[in-house]
C-alpha atoms as a PDB file:
ATOM      1  CA  MET A   1     -31.409  -9.737  33.943  1.00  0.00           C
ATOM      2  CA  ASP A   2     -30.873 -12.921  35.915  1.00  0.00           C
ATOM      3  CA  LEU A   3     -27.483 -14.353  34.917  1.00  0.00           C
ATOM      4  CA  ARG A   4     -28.595 -17.921  35.607  1.00  0.00           C
ATOM      5  CA  VAL A   5     -31.431 -17.600  33.117  1.00  0.00           C
ATOM      6  CA  TYR A   6     -29.134 -15.906  30.586  1.00  0.00           C
ATOM      7  CA  TYR A   7     -26.482 -18.640  30.708  1.00  0.00           C
ATOM      8  CA  GLN A   8     -29.123 -21.378  30.726  1.00  0.00           C
ATOM      9  CA  LYS A   9     -30.551 -19.912  27.505  1.00  0.00           C
ATOM     10  CA  ILE A  10     -27.056 -19.963  25.986  1.00  0.00           C
ATOM     11  CA  ARG A  11     -26.542 -23.617  26.999  1.00  0.00           C
ATOM     12  CA  ASP A  12     -29.978 -24.590  25.641  1.00  0.00           C
ATOM     13  CA  THR A  13     -29.362 -22.794  22.371  1.00  0.00           C
ATOM     14  CA  GLU A  14     -25.891 -24.332  22.037  1.00  0.00           C
ATOM     15  CA  SER A  15     -27.306 -27.818  22.513  1.00  0.00           C
ATOM     16  CA  ARG A  16     -29.770 -27.245  19.642  1.00  0.00           C
ATOM     17  CA  ILE A  17     -27.058 -26.173  17.173  1.00  0.00           C
ATOM     18  CA  LEU A  18     -25.972 -29.198  15.130  1.00  0.00           C
ATOM     19  CA  ASP A  19     -22.934 -27.868  13.241  1.00  0.00           C
ATOM     20  CA  GLN A  20     -19.559 -27.618  14.950  1.00  0.00           C
ATOM     21  CA  PHE A  21     -19.017 -24.263  13.199  1.00  0.00           C
ATOM     22  CA  PRO A  22     -22.392 -22.827  12.187  1.00  0.00           C
ATOM     23  CA  VAL A  23     -22.806 -19.901   9.822  1.00  0.00           C
ATOM     24  CA  VAL A  24     -24.682 -16.942  11.299  1.00  0.00           C
ATOM     25  CA  VAL A  25     -26.019 -13.799   9.646  1.00  0.00           C
ATOM     26  CA  SER A  26     -25.716 -10.485  11.437  1.00  0.00           C
ATOM     27  CA  ARG A  27     -28.631  -8.240  12.267  1.00  0.00           C
ATOM     28  CA  GLU A  28     -28.582  -4.476  12.399  1.00  0.00           C
ATOM     29  CA  THR A  29     -27.654  -3.291  15.873  1.00  0.00           C
ATOM     30  CA  GLN A  30     -27.857   0.070  17.619  1.00  0.00           C
ATOM     31  CA  ASP A  31     -24.081   0.251  17.927  1.00  0.00           C
ATOM     32  CA  GLY A  32     -23.542   0.169  14.159  1.00  0.00           C
ATOM     33  CA  GLY A  33     -23.623  -3.549  13.349  1.00  0.00           C
ATOM     34  CA  LYS A  34     -24.216  -4.266   9.666  1.00  0.00           C
ATOM     35  CA  VAL A  35     -27.142  -6.376   8.580  1.00  0.00           C
ATOM     36  CA  GLY A  36     -26.627  -9.469   6.418  1.00  0.00           C
ATOM     37  CA  VAL A  37     -22.944 -10.255   7.035  1.00  0.00           C
ATOM     38  CA  CYS A  38     -22.331 -14.012   7.114  1.00  0.00           C
ATOM     39  CA  THR A  39     -19.762 -15.397   9.536  1.00  0.00           C
ATOM     40  CA  GLU A  40     -18.694 -18.881  10.554  1.00  0.00           C
ATOM     41  CA  VAL A  41     -18.245 -19.128  14.321  1.00  0.00           C
ATOM     42  CA  SER A  42     -17.963 -21.754  17.023  1.00  0.00           C
ATOM     43  CA  ARG A  43     -21.109 -23.288  18.451  1.00  0.00           C
ATOM     44  CA  ALA A  44     -20.635 -21.464  21.793  1.00  0.00           C
ATOM     45  CA  ILE A  45     -20.195 -18.044  20.174  1.00  0.00           C
ATOM     46  CA  ALA A  46     -23.173 -18.638  17.875  1.00  0.00           C
ATOM     47  CA  ALA A  47     -25.365 -19.553  20.855  1.00  0.00           C
ATOM     48  CA  LYS A  48     -24.317 -16.431  22.770  1.00  0.00           C
ATOM     49  CA  MET A  49     -24.946 -14.159  19.794  1.00  0.00           C
ATOM     50  CA  LEU A  50     -28.299 -15.803  19.060  1.00  0.00           C
ATOM     51  CA  VAL A  51     -29.450 -15.293  22.658  1.00  0.00           C
ATOM     52  CA  GLU A  52     -28.306 -11.663  22.536  1.00  0.00           C
ATOM     53  CA  GLY A  53     -30.196 -11.173  19.271  1.00  0.00           C
ATOM     54  CA  THR A  54     -27.245  -9.833  17.274  1.00  0.00           C
ATOM     55  CA  VAL A  55     -27.394 -12.654  14.706  1.00  0.00           C
ATOM     56  CA  ARG A  56     -29.726 -15.219  13.231  1.00  0.00           C
ATOM     57  CA  GLU A  57     -28.893 -18.681  11.971  1.00  0.00           C
ATOM     58  CA  ALA A  58     -28.106 -18.788   8.270  1.00  0.00           C
ATOM     59  CA  THR A  59     -30.358 -20.828   6.039  1.00  0.00           C
ATOM     60  CA  SER A  60     -28.804 -23.894   4.452  1.00  0.00           C
ATOM     61  CA  GLU A  61     -28.598 -22.011   1.137  1.00  0.00           C
ATOM     62  CA  GLU A  62     -26.882 -18.998   2.750  1.00  0.00           C
ATOM     63  CA  ALA A  63     -24.401 -21.304   4.496  1.00  0.00           C
ATOM     64  CA  ARG A  64     -23.680 -23.179   1.260  1.00  0.00           C
ATOM     65  CA  VAL A  65     -23.052 -19.949  -0.671  1.00  0.00           C
ATOM     66  CA  PHE A  66     -20.859 -18.584   2.148  1.00  0.00           C
ATOM     67  CA  ARG A  67     -18.733 -21.720   2.344  1.00  0.00           C
ATOM     68  CA  LYS A  68     -18.407 -21.941  -1.446  1.00  0.00           C
ATOM     69  CA  ALA A  69     -17.217 -18.315  -1.581  1.00  0.00           C
ATOM     70  CA  HIS A  70     -14.802 -19.045   1.266  1.00  0.00           C
ATOM     71  CA  VAL A  71     -13.318 -22.027  -0.605  1.00  0.00           C
ATOM     72  CA  GLU A  72     -12.961 -19.959  -3.795  1.00  0.00           C
ATOM     73  CA  ALA A  73     -11.262 -17.119  -1.916  1.00  0.00           C
ATOM     74  CA  LYS A  74      -8.852 -19.566  -0.294  1.00  0.00           C
ATOM     75  CA  ARG A  75      -8.024 -21.129  -3.668  1.00  0.00           C
ATOM     76  CA  ALA A  76      -7.387 -17.698  -5.204  1.00  0.00           C
ATOM     77  CA  LEU A  77      -5.151 -16.748  -2.286  1.00  0.00           C
ATOM     78  CA  GLU A  78      -3.153 -19.966  -2.599  1.00  0.00           C
ATOM     79  CA  GLU A  79      -2.704 -19.357  -6.332  1.00  0.00           C
ATOM     80  CA  ALA A  80      -1.511 -15.799  -5.662  1.00  0.00           C
ATOM     81  CA  GLU A  81       0.932 -17.058  -3.040  1.00  0.00           C
ATOM     82  CA  ALA A  82       2.217 -19.721  -5.439  1.00  0.00           C
ATOM     83  CA  ALA A  83       2.753 -17.060  -8.102  1.00  0.00           C
ATOM     84  CA  LYS A  84       4.825 -15.025  -5.641  1.00  0.00           C
ATOM     85  CA  THR A  85       7.172 -17.937  -5.076  1.00  0.00           C
ATOM     86  CA  LEU A  86       8.043 -18.352  -8.737  1.00  0.00           C
ATOM     87  CA  GLN A  87      11.608 -19.636  -8.816  1.00  0.00           C
ATOM     88  CA  PHE A  88      14.186 -18.616 -11.368  1.00  0.00           C
ATOM     89  CA  LYS A  89      17.870 -19.123 -11.872  1.00  0.00           C
ATOM     90  CA  VAL A  90      20.470 -16.799 -13.321  1.00  0.00           C
ATOM     91  CA  VAL A  91      22.383 -18.694 -15.982  1.00  0.00           C
ATOM     92  CA  SER A  92      25.675 -17.619 -17.490  1.00  0.00           C
ATOM     93  CA  VAL A  93      26.167 -17.422 -21.246  1.00  0.00           C
ATOM     94  CA  ASP A  94      28.521 -20.412 -21.182  1.00  0.00           C
ATOM     95  CA  GLU A  95      25.951 -22.521 -19.368  1.00  0.00           C
ATOM     96  CA  VAL A  96      23.240 -21.542 -21.890  1.00  0.00           C
ATOM     97  CA  LYS A  97      25.508 -22.640 -24.747  1.00  0.00           C
ATOM     98  CA  ARG A  98      26.241 -25.914 -23.004  1.00  0.00           C
ATOM     99  CA  LEU A  99      22.551 -26.573 -22.360  1.00  0.00           C
ATOM    100  CA  THR A 100      21.499 -25.726 -25.923  1.00  0.00           C
ATOM    101  CA  SER A 101      24.245 -27.890 -27.408  1.00  0.00           C
ATOM    102  CA  ALA A 102      23.213 -30.794 -25.149  1.00  0.00           C
ATOM    103  CA  ARG A 103      19.601 -30.325 -26.203  1.00  0.00           C
ATOM    104  CA  GLY A 104      20.575 -30.229 -29.871  1.00  0.00           C
ATOM    105  CA  ALA A 105      22.429 -33.521 -29.429  1.00  0.00           C
ATOM    106  CA  GLN A 106      19.315 -35.087 -27.886  1.00  0.00           C
ATOM    107  CA  ASP A 107      17.140 -33.848 -30.757  1.00  0.00           C
ATOM    108  CA  ARG A 108      19.505 -35.401 -33.325  1.00  0.00           C
ATOM    109  CA  ALA A 109      19.506 -38.771 -31.566  1.00  0.00           C
END
C-alpha cells in the first residue's frame, strides 16, 4: 500500500467529518473486534478507523441514543459519588440535650 495514498484518504475523510467528536460503530474484525459497539472518538481517530474499515459512522439516531446513555451513566455515577460523601457528625449526649432544648424553646415561641 502506498503510504501517501493512505494518509491522503485519512485527510480527505477527516475533512468530511463535521462533528468534533463523532460517534462510530465498530465492525466485526478478524482479530476479534465486536460488531455494533458505539464509541465517541476524535475526528482524526474516526477518519483513520473509517479508512481502515474497522468502523462505520453512526447514524444520527445511534449517536443520539449513545450520548443520552452516556449522560445518564454520568449522572448515575455522580449520584453514587455524592452518596459516598455523606457527612455525619458524632454528637455527645449533652449536646443532643442542648439542641433539643433549644429546639423546644423555638417551637414554644
